Amino acid sequence: MAVSEKDGNLRFDCLSGLSGLESVAAELDDLVAQLTRAGDRPWFYASSDWLVPWARHCCGGSEVFLFIARDKSGALVAALPMVKQKVRIGRRLTPALTILGWPATDNFEVPARDATAAFGLLHFAWSHARCEIPGWTCWMLREIEDGGPTAAAIDRLHGASVLPKPEVFSAGVSPTLDLQDFLAEDGDPRTKKQLYRITKFRRKLAKEGEVEMPFWRVGENELDQAWKNTVEVESRSWKGEGGDATALQGGSTTDMLREVWSRVVPKGTLACSEVRLNGRALASHWGYIDGNRFLSFYMAYDNDYRSYGLGSVMLEDMVQRGREIGLRWIDASRGNTAGTHILGQYGGPMRQQVQVVIPRRSAAGLWVRMHCKVRHVRAKRAGAAMEKASI
């Protein structure tokens, strides 16, 4: 069931490298803007504001590909950005085709005008990669919504015998809070215990001096100071203790994020929250604004103030003030329903995210599938042990 470069009402192509990505950046952003207006899920990580900086700074010589679909009029109707890079499976590194932006990208869905375009593009991308891109063992798609449009297209392709059987693993839960419901007169779900905890932290912090907790869309004249505060907070946080978890202390990731900031700030689509004590930033939580959705990306706080509940207090203020800066949703991106923060406990919509591994039909692909089966068995045993321990 091969798919050609022209298939029915769609035309397909594979563009290579940063230059290929940049050549359709404006069209890609128009498609993403159309999808964002629908408001059902975040699309920022499919925009050129994210993909171009990532391809420029974080690919380290890896091959970048952009699979695209156009309709009869020539309009871009679907896109799949990928990179061939080594991923760890078992104890070995193996070359795989992953979403461009992995492992930092959250909530990726193939931007497509409709299900037909998504199905056709994924069909073409698999067929083209299998025939024209050598040296990869599997597709590894992270942070795909379980039951979402991309997962549904993959299931259809497997059912049509185009794709081998996908191996699917849980990749976390993303809590989302609807500010409209949360702040309704009878909609606040906080318990007395939660309210007491936040009040206790606020009072403890207030004893130390003058406290400010702004939550705002960063303007161009504020970019340098906001960036400086974020970098300094990280250097004093638990992330900076060993240096292995930092993202803002230099290197390719820092360069990439700085370019992303420079792209989104003029558009008013970067939001930041800080806890300031006597004018000094002790905590920072920032993310991207995707339509009317705050898409959380990064949070850190000064390690000397870890007992002050800075993360909880800051998020509480973000929830209370989010509508003031035009937000409807606060989105955790990645999260955990067992967490102590608002988004994990207050019963908003959840996205169950999965990791999808699709091994090639080859000896190397068979090795990947074998390790996936071992991982499934281990996960099943661990789940059974936890269930037995809770009885």
Protein backbone atom coordinates (compact mmCIF):
# COMPACT_ATOMS: atom_id res chain seq x y z
CA MET A 1 0.00 0.00 0.00
CA ALA A 2 2.57 2.56 -1.12
CA VAL A 3 1.81 6.25 -1.29
CA SER A 4 3.23 8.45 -4.01
CA GLU A 5 4.25 12.09 -4.00
CA LYS A 6 0.82 12.79 -5.50
CA ASP A 7 -2.03 10.90 -3.89
CA GLY A 8 -5.62 11.90 -4.57
CA ASN A 9 -6.16 15.51 -3.60
CA LEU A 10 -2.83 15.86 -1.74
CA ARG A 11 0.79 16.34 -2.82
CA PHE A 12 3.62 15.27 -0.52
CA ASP A 13 7.25 16.26 -0.16
CA CYS A 14 10.20 15.80 2.18
CA LEU A 15 12.35 18.87 2.86
CA SER A 16 15.80 18.52 4.41
CA GLY A 17 17.77 20.57 6.91
CA LEU A 18 17.29 23.94 8.56
CA SER A 19 16.92 25.63 5.17
CA GLY A 20 14.02 23.36 4.25
CA LEU A 21 12.28 24.15 7.52
CA GLU A 22 12.82 27.88 7.12
CA SER A 23 11.48 27.82 3.56
CA VAL A 24 7.96 26.92 4.76
CA ALA A 25 8.07 28.57 8.21
CA ALA A 26 5.44 31.20 7.41
CA GLU A 27 3.05 28.62 5.92
CA LEU A 28 3.59 26.30 8.87
CA ASP A 29 2.79 29.09 11.32
CA ASP A 30 -0.39 29.94 9.42
CA LEU A 31 -1.50 26.30 9.74
CA VAL A 32 -0.62 26.24 13.45
CA ALA A 33 -2.54 29.51 13.99
CA GLN A 34 -5.65 27.98 12.42
CA LEU A 35 -5.41 24.98 14.73
CA THR A 36 -4.71 27.15 17.79
CA ARG A 37 -7.94 29.07 17.23
CA ALA A 38 -9.83 25.80 17.66
CA GLY A 39 -8.51 25.80 21.25
CA ASP A 40 -8.77 22.08 21.94
CA ARG A 41 -5.04 21.43 22.55
CA PRO A 42 -1.66 23.24 22.44
CA TRP A 43 0.16 23.60 19.12
CA PHE A 44 3.16 25.76 20.01
CA TYR A 45 5.70 22.94 19.60
CA ALA A 46 4.73 22.58 15.94
CA SER A 47 5.46 26.26 15.20
CA SER A 48 8.60 27.69 13.61
CA ASP A 49 9.21 29.72 16.79
CA TRP A 50 10.13 26.41 18.43
CA LEU A 51 11.31 24.21 15.55
CA VAL A 52 13.74 26.61 13.83
CA PRO A 53 15.74 27.44 17.00
CA TRP A 54 15.83 23.75 17.90
CA ALA A 55 17.09 22.76 14.45
CA ARG A 56 19.68 25.54 14.53
CA HIS A 57 21.13 24.90 18.00
CA CYS A 58 20.28 21.41 19.25
CA CYS A 59 20.64 18.93 16.40
CA GLY A 60 24.43 18.63 16.56
CA GLY A 61 24.88 17.46 12.99
CA SER A 62 21.83 15.19 13.03
CA GLU A 63 19.71 15.07 9.90
CA VAL A 64 16.54 17.18 10.00
CA PHE A 65 13.50 16.38 7.83
CA LEU A 66 10.16 18.08 7.32
CA PHE A 67 7.45 16.01 5.67
CA ILE A 68 4.67 18.17 4.24
CA ALA A 69 1.33 17.78 2.50
CA ARG A 70 -0.30 20.35 0.21
CA ASP A 71 -3.79 20.45 -1.27
CA LYS A 72 -4.65 21.09 -4.92
CA SER A 73 -4.37 24.85 -4.44
CA GLY A 74 -0.84 24.47 -3.05
CA ALA A 75 -1.79 25.34 0.53
CA LEU A 76 0.11 23.57 3.30
CA VAL A 77 -2.35 21.26 5.09
CA ALA A 78 -0.11 19.01 7.23
CA ALA A 79 3.50 18.83 8.43
CA LEU A 80 5.68 16.39 10.34
CA PRO A 81 9.07 17.69 11.57
CA MET A 82 11.54 14.89 12.40
CA VAL A 83 15.22 14.35 13.09
CA LYS A 84 17.38 11.24 12.84
CA GLN A 85 19.25 10.93 16.11
CA LYS A 86 20.43 8.29 18.55
CA VAL A 87 18.11 7.28 21.39
CA ARG A 88 18.71 4.89 24.25
CA ILE A 89 16.87 1.59 24.12
CA GLY A 90 17.98 -0.89 26.73
CA ARG A 91 21.70 -0.35 27.26
CA ARG A 92 22.44 0.73 23.70
CA LEU A 93 22.03 3.83 21.60
CA THR A 94 20.24 3.26 18.33
CA PRO A 95 19.45 5.68 15.48
CA ALA A 96 15.77 6.60 15.39
CA LEU A 97 13.51 9.11 13.71
CA THR A 98 12.01 11.27 16.44
CA ILE A 99 9.89 14.40 16.57
CA LEU A 100 12.08 17.45 16.01
CA GLY A 101 12.46 18.95 19.48
CA TRP A 102 12.64 15.67 21.40
CA PRO A 103 13.24 15.30 24.32
CA ALA A 104 12.15 18.82 25.33
CA THR A 105 8.97 19.00 23.24
CA ASP A 106 5.72 18.39 25.10
CA ASN A 107 2.28 17.59 23.72
CA PHE A 108 3.22 17.06 20.09
CA GLU A 109 0.48 16.40 17.56
CA VAL A 110 0.93 16.40 13.80
CA PRO A 111 -0.43 19.78 12.68
CA ALA A 112 -2.99 18.88 10.03
CA ARG A 113 -6.09 20.53 8.59
CA ASP A 114 -8.08 17.32 9.06
CA ALA A 115 -7.75 13.60 9.76
CA THR A 116 -7.36 12.78 6.06
CA ALA A 117 -4.33 15.05 5.73
CA ALA A 118 -2.73 13.62 8.89
CA PHE A 119 -3.32 10.03 7.70
CA GLY A 120 -1.94 10.73 4.23
CA LEU A 121 1.14 12.55 5.49
CA LEU A 122 2.07 9.89 8.05
CA HIS A 123 1.61 7.25 5.33
CA PHE A 124 3.93 9.15 2.98
CA ALA A 125 6.49 9.90 5.71
CA TRP A 126 6.82 6.23 6.70
CA SER A 127 7.06 5.04 3.10
CA HIS A 128 9.55 7.74 2.14
CA ALA A 129 11.71 7.24 5.23
CA ARG A 130 11.78 3.47 4.70
CA CYS A 131 12.92 3.84 1.08
CA GLU A 132 14.97 7.06 1.05
CA ILE A 133 16.42 7.62 4.54
CA PRO A 134 18.95 4.95 5.52
CA GLY A 135 20.26 3.87 8.88
CA TRP A 136 17.34 4.16 11.31
CA THR A 137 15.77 1.38 13.37
CA CYS A 138 12.47 2.86 14.56
CA TRP A 139 10.25 5.88 14.93
CA MET A 140 10.09 7.15 18.49
CA LEU A 141 7.26 9.63 19.07
CA ARG A 142 7.14 11.12 22.56
CA GLU A 143 4.36 13.07 24.32
CA ILE A 144 1.62 11.96 21.93
CA GLU A 145 -1.86 12.26 23.40
CA ASP A 146 -3.39 8.84 24.00
CA GLY A 147 -6.38 8.67 21.67
CA GLY A 148 -5.48 12.04 20.13
CA PRO A 149 -5.41 12.77 16.39
CA THR A 150 -1.85 11.52 15.80
CA ALA A 151 -2.42 8.32 17.78
CA ALA A 152 -5.67 7.73 15.88
CA ALA A 153 -3.91 8.13 12.51
CA ILE A 154 -1.18 5.69 13.59
CA ASP A 155 -3.82 3.14 14.63
CA ARG A 156 -5.53 3.48 11.24
CA LEU A 157 -2.23 3.01 9.40
CA HIS A 158 -1.45 -0.09 11.44
CA GLY A 159 -4.94 -1.43 10.74
CA ALA A 160 -4.32 -0.87 7.02
CA SER A 161 -1.02 -2.83 7.29
CA VAL A 162 1.02 0.26 6.41
CA LEU A 163 2.77 0.49 9.76
CA PRO A 164 4.13 -2.36 11.88
CA LYS A 165 2.50 -2.74 15.26
CA PRO A 166 3.30 0.29 17.45
CA GLU A 167 4.68 -0.31 20.95
CA VAL A 168 2.93 2.11 23.31
CA PHE A 169 4.14 3.20 26.76
CA SER A 170 2.71 5.65 29.26
CA ALA A 171 4.56 8.98 29.21
CA GLY A 172 2.76 10.87 31.96
CA VAL A 173 -0.37 12.84 32.62
CA SER A 174 -0.81 16.53 31.82
CA PRO A 175 -3.27 18.30 34.15
CA THR A 176 -5.05 21.36 32.76
CA LEU A 177 -7.05 23.91 34.70
CA ASP A 178 -9.99 25.81 33.23
CA LEU A 179 -9.80 29.20 34.93
CA GLN A 180 -13.37 29.99 33.98
CA ASP A 181 -14.68 26.99 35.92
CA PHE A 182 -12.12 27.20 38.70
CA LEU A 183 -12.95 30.81 39.54
CA ALA A 184 -16.70 30.45 39.19
CA GLU A 185 -18.72 31.37 42.25
CA ASP A 186 -19.29 27.75 43.26
CA GLY A 187 -16.39 26.22 41.32
CA ASP A 188 -13.34 26.66 43.60
CA PRO A 189 -12.35 23.11 44.52
CA ARG A 190 -9.70 23.95 47.12
CA THR A 191 -10.05 22.22 50.46
CA LYS A 192 -9.55 23.94 53.81
CA LYS A 193 -6.25 22.10 54.16
CA GLN A 194 -5.00 23.44 50.84
CA LEU A 195 -6.08 26.99 51.63
CA TYR A 196 -4.40 26.80 55.04
CA ARG A 197 -1.17 25.55 53.47
CA ILE A 198 -1.00 28.42 50.98
CA THR A 199 -1.85 31.00 53.68
CA LYS A 200 0.88 29.60 55.94
CA PHE A 201 3.49 29.93 53.19
CA ARG A 202 2.41 33.49 52.37
CA ARG A 203 2.67 34.59 56.00
CA LYS A 204 6.08 32.97 56.43
CA LEU A 205 7.39 34.75 53.34
CA ALA A 206 5.89 38.10 54.34
CA LYS A 207 7.87 38.02 57.59
CA GLU A 208 11.08 38.21 55.55
CA GLY A 209 10.29 41.55 53.88
CA GLU A 210 8.43 43.06 50.94
CA VAL A 211 6.94 40.39 48.67
CA GLU A 212 5.86 40.77 45.04
CA MET A 213 4.33 38.01 42.88
CA PRO A 214 3.72 39.35 39.36
CA PHE A 215 2.38 37.24 36.51
CA TRP A 216 2.66 39.03 33.19
CA ARG A 217 3.26 38.86 29.46
CA VAL A 218 6.91 39.77 29.01
CA GLY A 219 7.42 42.89 26.88
CA GLU A 220 10.40 43.58 24.65
CA ASN A 221 11.81 46.13 27.12
CA GLU A 222 11.58 43.51 29.89
CA LEU A 223 13.14 40.58 28.04
CA ASP A 224 16.75 41.01 29.22
CA GLN A 225 15.84 41.46 32.90
CA ALA A 226 13.35 38.57 32.89
CA TRP A 227 15.96 36.32 31.26
CA LYS A 228 18.62 37.40 33.76
CA ASN A 229 16.31 36.69 36.71
CA THR A 230 15.43 33.26 35.36
CA VAL A 231 19.08 32.32 34.81
CA GLU A 232 20.06 33.52 38.31
CA VAL A 233 17.19 31.66 39.99
CA GLU A 234 18.19 28.43 38.23
CA SER A 235 21.82 28.85 39.35
CA ARG A 236 20.62 28.97 42.98
CA SER A 237 18.04 26.18 42.58
CA TRP A 238 18.17 22.43 43.09
CA LYS A 239 18.74 22.22 39.33
CA GLY A 240 22.02 24.05 39.67
CA GLU A 241 23.47 21.99 42.51
CA GLY A 242 25.20 19.44 40.30
CA GLY A 243 24.84 21.30 37.04
CA ASP A 244 23.44 18.27 35.21
CA ALA A 245 19.80 19.41 35.21
CA THR A 246 20.32 23.03 34.23
CA ALA A 247 18.98 24.44 30.97
CA LEU A 248 20.02 28.08 31.22
CA GLN A 249 23.66 27.98 32.30
CA GLY A 250 25.20 27.89 28.83
CA GLY A 251 25.36 25.48 25.94
CA SER A 252 23.11 24.64 23.01
CA THR A 253 19.87 24.42 25.01
CA THR A 254 20.46 27.87 26.51
CA ASP A 255 21.15 29.33 23.05
CA MET A 256 18.02 27.68 21.69
CA LEU A 257 15.77 28.97 24.47
CA ARG A 258 17.19 32.46 24.20
CA GLU A 259 16.34 32.50 20.49
CA VAL A 260 12.84 31.21 21.23
CA TRP A 261 12.37 34.05 23.73
CA SER A 262 13.56 36.59 21.16
CA ARG A 263 10.98 35.26 18.70
CA VAL A 264 7.93 35.05 20.98
CA VAL A 265 8.35 38.11 23.23
CA PRO A 266 7.60 40.63 20.42
CA LYS A 267 4.37 38.66 19.78
CA GLY A 268 3.34 38.89 23.45
CA THR A 269 3.32 35.12 23.79
CA LEU A 270 5.80 34.59 26.64
CA ALA A 271 4.41 34.77 30.18
CA CYS A 272 6.43 34.76 33.37
CA SER A 273 5.63 34.61 37.07
CA GLU A 274 8.13 35.49 39.80
CA VAL A 275 8.31 35.57 43.55
CA ARG A 276 10.37 38.59 44.56
CA LEU A 277 11.56 39.30 48.08
CA ASN A 278 12.83 42.85 48.63
CA GLY A 279 13.22 43.18 44.87
CA ARG A 280 15.21 39.96 44.38
CA ALA A 281 13.71 37.11 42.36
CA LEU A 282 13.52 33.91 44.44
CA ALA A 283 11.43 31.86 42.01
CA SER A 284 10.52 31.90 38.33
CA HIS A 285 7.86 30.03 36.39
CA TRP A 286 7.53 30.76 32.69
CA GLY A 287 5.92 29.32 29.62
CA TYR A 288 4.45 30.06 26.24
CA ILE A 289 1.00 31.48 25.53
CA ASP A 290 -0.78 29.32 22.99
CA GLY A 291 -4.00 31.11 22.09
CA ASN A 292 -5.70 31.53 25.48
CA ARG A 293 -3.62 28.79 27.09
CA PHE A 294 -0.53 29.14 29.31
CA LEU A 295 1.73 26.26 28.35
CA SER A 296 4.04 25.75 31.33
CA PHE A 297 7.65 25.07 30.39
CA TYR A 298 10.00 25.84 33.27
CA MET A 299 9.96 26.46 37.01
CA ALA A 300 12.78 26.88 39.52
CA TYR A 301 13.24 28.42 42.97
CA ASP A 302 16.08 29.44 45.25
CA ASN A 303 17.21 26.39 47.21
CA ASP A 304 17.69 28.45 50.39
CA TYR A 305 13.92 29.05 50.43
CA ARG A 306 12.74 25.52 49.69
CA SER A 307 10.65 25.43 52.90
CA TYR A 308 8.63 28.48 51.83
CA GLY A 309 6.45 26.65 49.29
CA LEU A 310 7.45 29.07 46.53
CA GLY A 311 6.26 26.84 43.71
CA SER A 312 2.81 26.36 45.26
CA VAL A 313 2.37 30.02 46.16
CA MET A 314 3.51 31.17 42.72
CA LEU A 315 1.16 28.80 40.90
CA GLU A 316 -1.70 29.87 43.16
CA ASP A 317 -1.20 33.48 42.09
CA MET A 318 -0.92 32.45 38.43
CA VAL A 319 -4.30 30.76 38.68
CA GLN A 320 -5.87 33.76 40.42
CA ARG A 321 -4.44 36.29 37.95
CA GLY A 322 -4.40 34.33 34.72
CA ARG A 323 -7.59 35.85 33.32
CA GLU A 324 -6.12 39.33 33.80
CA ILE A 325 -3.60 38.58 31.02
CA GLY A 326 -6.12 36.93 28.72
CA LEU A 327 -5.84 33.28 29.73
CA ARG A 328 -8.57 30.66 29.91
CA TRP A 329 -6.36 27.63 30.57
CA ILE A 330 -3.30 26.88 32.73
CA ASP A 331 -1.65 23.82 31.20
CA ALA A 332 0.99 21.78 33.05
CA SER A 333 2.45 20.38 29.80
CA ARG A 334 3.85 17.43 31.73
CA GLY A 335 2.48 16.63 35.13
CA ASN A 336 1.40 14.09 37.69
CA THR A 337 -2.03 13.69 39.22
CA ALA A 338 -0.38 12.77 42.52
CA GLY A 339 1.36 16.16 42.70
CA THR A 340 0.69 18.72 45.42
CA HIS A 341 0.18 21.66 43.10
CA ILE A 342 -3.18 23.01 42.00
CA LEU A 343 -3.24 21.54 38.53
CA GLY A 344 -2.69 18.00 39.77
CA GLN A 345 -5.35 18.07 42.46
CA TYR A 346 -8.23 20.25 41.36
CA GLY A 347 -9.96 17.99 38.88
CA GLY A 348 -9.41 19.78 35.57
CA PRO A 349 -9.16 18.06 32.19
CA MET A 350 -6.28 15.59 31.86
CA ARG A 351 -4.29 14.49 28.82
CA GLN A 352 -2.82 11.00 29.08
CA GLN A 353 0.39 11.11 27.08
CA VAL A 354 2.11 8.11 25.55
CA GLN A 355 5.40 7.22 23.91
CA VAL A 356 4.93 5.41 20.62
CA VAL A 357 7.78 3.28 19.25
CA ILE A 358 7.36 1.87 15.73
CA PRO A 359 10.19 -0.55 14.84
CA ARG A 360 11.17 -1.08 11.22
CA ARG A 361 10.58 -4.42 9.58
CA SER A 362 14.26 -5.39 9.72
CA ALA A 363 16.75 -7.23 11.91
CA ALA A 364 17.57 -3.99 13.73
CA GLY A 365 13.86 -3.26 14.13
CA LEU A 366 13.31 -6.74 15.54
CA TRP A 367 15.98 -5.99 18.17
CA VAL A 368 14.09 -2.79 19.11
CA ARG A 369 10.81 -4.67 19.40
CA MET A 370 12.42 -7.30 21.62
CA HIS A 371 13.57 -4.62 24.06
CA CYS A 372 10.11 -3.03 23.97
CA LYS A 373 8.59 -6.38 24.94
CA VAL A 374 11.04 -6.67 27.85
CA ARG A 375 10.05 -3.17 28.98
CA HIS A 376 6.35 -4.12 28.84
CA VAL A 377 6.99 -7.22 30.98
CA ARG A 378 8.96 -5.23 33.55
CA ALA A 379 6.26 -2.56 33.74
CA LYS A 380 3.58 -5.23 34.21
CA ARG A 381 5.56 -6.87 37.01
CA ALA A 382 6.18 -3.53 38.72
CA GLY A 383 2.48 -2.69 38.51
CA ALA A 384 1.52 -6.07 39.98
CA ALA A 385 4.02 -5.59 42.84
CA MET A 386 2.62 -2.16 43.65
CA GLU A 387 -0.93 -3.48 43.60
CA LYS A 388 0.02 -6.35 45.90
CA ALA A 389 1.79 -3.97 48.30
CA SER A 390 -1.32 -1.75 48.52
CA ILE A 391 -3.65 -4.62 49.44
